[in-house]
Amino acid sequence: MARFHFSVGPFAYRIDSKIPCVVQAVEKMYSDYPKLSESDWTDFHVRVVPEGSLIRQFVKPQARLFLDNAEPFGVFHQAQAGAILEWGMNWCLWLNLFH
């Protein structure tokens, strides 16, 4: 499981995933953002995890996104995982800043 802990502006994210396209997307998009230590405060914990059995992961790979243990979007195809991660990060801000 890859773990990223970084800040975007005043917000701290912790992102956990073992899905290769998610790991690659985070490494590419957020490599220049300030890194945080494990002991630093995290505003939002985002997890993108594989869904289903190992066989299902080869036939029709799906994933689920969790934001602080809530699941706002349901199951989606793993090819969409990078976009869903971004939507999830924005969802965190929308829920906490504008309500």
Protein backbone atom coordinates (compact mmCIF):
# COMPACT_ATOMS: atom_id res chain seq x y z
CA MET A 1 0.00 0.00 0.00
CA ALA A 2 1.44 3.36 -1.02
CA ARG A 3 0.87 6.23 1.38
CA PHE A 4 1.20 9.90 0.52
CA HIS A 5 0.98 12.69 3.08
CA PHE A 6 1.18 16.21 1.68
CA SER A 7 -0.41 19.64 1.87
CA VAL A 8 -2.32 21.50 -0.82
CA GLY A 9 -2.54 25.09 0.32
CA PRO A 10 -3.73 25.09 3.93
CA PHE A 11 -5.12 21.52 3.74
CA ALA A 12 -3.32 18.29 4.59
CA TYR A 13 -4.21 15.07 2.77
CA ARG A 14 -3.24 11.49 3.45
CA ILE A 15 -3.83 9.26 0.45
CA ASP A 16 -3.55 5.48 0.61
CA SER A 17 -3.81 3.16 -2.38
CA LYS A 18 -2.21 0.12 -3.93
CA ILE A 19 -3.84 0.66 -7.32
CA PRO A 20 -0.98 1.46 -9.74
CA CYS A 21 -2.79 4.18 -11.71
CA VAL A 22 -3.66 6.02 -8.47
CA VAL A 23 -0.09 5.79 -7.17
CA GLN A 24 1.23 7.07 -10.52
CA ALA A 25 -1.31 9.91 -10.63
CA VAL A 26 -0.44 11.12 -7.12
CA GLU A 27 3.30 10.87 -7.81
CA LYS A 28 2.89 12.86 -11.02
CA MET A 29 0.40 15.53 -9.89
CA TYR A 30 1.55 16.15 -6.32
CA SER A 31 5.32 15.54 -6.40
CA ASP A 32 6.05 19.27 -5.99
CA TYR A 33 3.67 19.81 -3.07
CA PRO A 34 5.05 19.99 0.49
CA LYS A 35 5.47 16.54 2.02
CA LEU A 36 4.29 15.94 5.58
CA SER A 37 5.45 13.43 8.17
CA GLU A 38 3.23 10.68 9.56
CA SER A 39 2.91 12.61 12.82
CA ASP A 40 1.62 15.78 11.11
CA TRP A 41 -2.07 16.64 11.29
CA THR A 42 -4.23 15.38 8.41
CA ASP A 43 -7.41 17.19 7.41
CA PHE A 44 -8.57 14.49 5.00
CA HIS A 45 -7.81 10.79 4.72
CA VAL A 46 -8.53 9.44 1.24
CA ARG A 47 -8.30 5.74 0.37
CA VAL A 48 -8.75 4.18 -3.08
CA VAL A 49 -8.95 0.41 -2.73
CA PRO A 50 -9.55 -2.51 -5.11
CA GLU A 51 -13.04 -4.02 -5.05
CA GLY A 52 -13.85 -7.70 -5.37
CA SER A 53 -11.92 -10.93 -5.51
CA LEU A 54 -8.52 -11.40 -7.12
CA ILE A 55 -10.17 -13.03 -10.14
CA ARG A 56 -12.58 -10.12 -10.50
CA GLN A 57 -9.63 -7.72 -10.41
CA PHE A 58 -8.33 -9.32 -13.61
CA VAL A 59 -11.69 -9.64 -15.40
CA LYS A 60 -13.32 -6.32 -14.51
CA PRO A 61 -11.09 -4.33 -12.15
CA GLN A 62 -13.14 -2.08 -9.91
CA ALA A 63 -12.31 0.18 -6.99
CA ARG A 64 -13.91 2.09 -4.15
CA LEU A 65 -13.05 5.49 -2.72
CA PHE A 66 -13.31 6.30 0.97
CA LEU A 67 -13.09 9.79 2.44
CA ASP A 68 -12.53 9.62 6.18
CA ASN A 69 -14.35 6.22 6.07
CA ALA A 70 -17.36 7.58 4.13
CA GLU A 71 -17.99 6.28 0.61
CA PRO A 72 -19.60 9.05 -1.48
CA PHE A 73 -19.35 7.55 -4.98
CA GLY A 74 -19.82 3.78 -4.82
CA VAL A 75 -17.96 1.27 -6.98
CA PHE A 76 -16.23 2.43 -10.19
CA HIS A 77 -13.90 0.98 -12.82
CA GLN A 78 -10.22 1.19 -11.88
CA ALA A 79 -9.46 3.07 -15.11
CA GLN A 80 -11.36 6.00 -13.56
CA ALA A 81 -9.46 5.86 -10.26
CA GLY A 82 -7.26 8.91 -10.90
CA ALA A 83 -10.24 11.09 -11.76
CA ILE A 84 -12.27 9.73 -8.85
CA LEU A 85 -9.38 10.52 -6.51
CA GLU A 86 -9.40 14.17 -7.65
CA TRP A 87 -13.18 14.38 -7.34
CA GLY A 88 -12.92 12.90 -3.88
CA MET A 89 -10.31 15.43 -2.79
CA ASN A 90 -12.51 18.26 -4.09
CA TRP A 91 -15.53 16.68 -2.38
CA CYS A 92 -13.68 16.88 0.95
CA LEU A 93 -13.16 20.60 0.50
CA TRP A 94 -16.72 21.25 -0.64
CA LEU A 95 -18.22 19.41 2.32
CA ASN A 96 -16.02 21.12 4.87
CA LEU A 97 -15.65 24.63 3.50
CA PHE A 98 -19.03 25.46 2.05
CA HIS A 99 -21.42 23.84 4.51
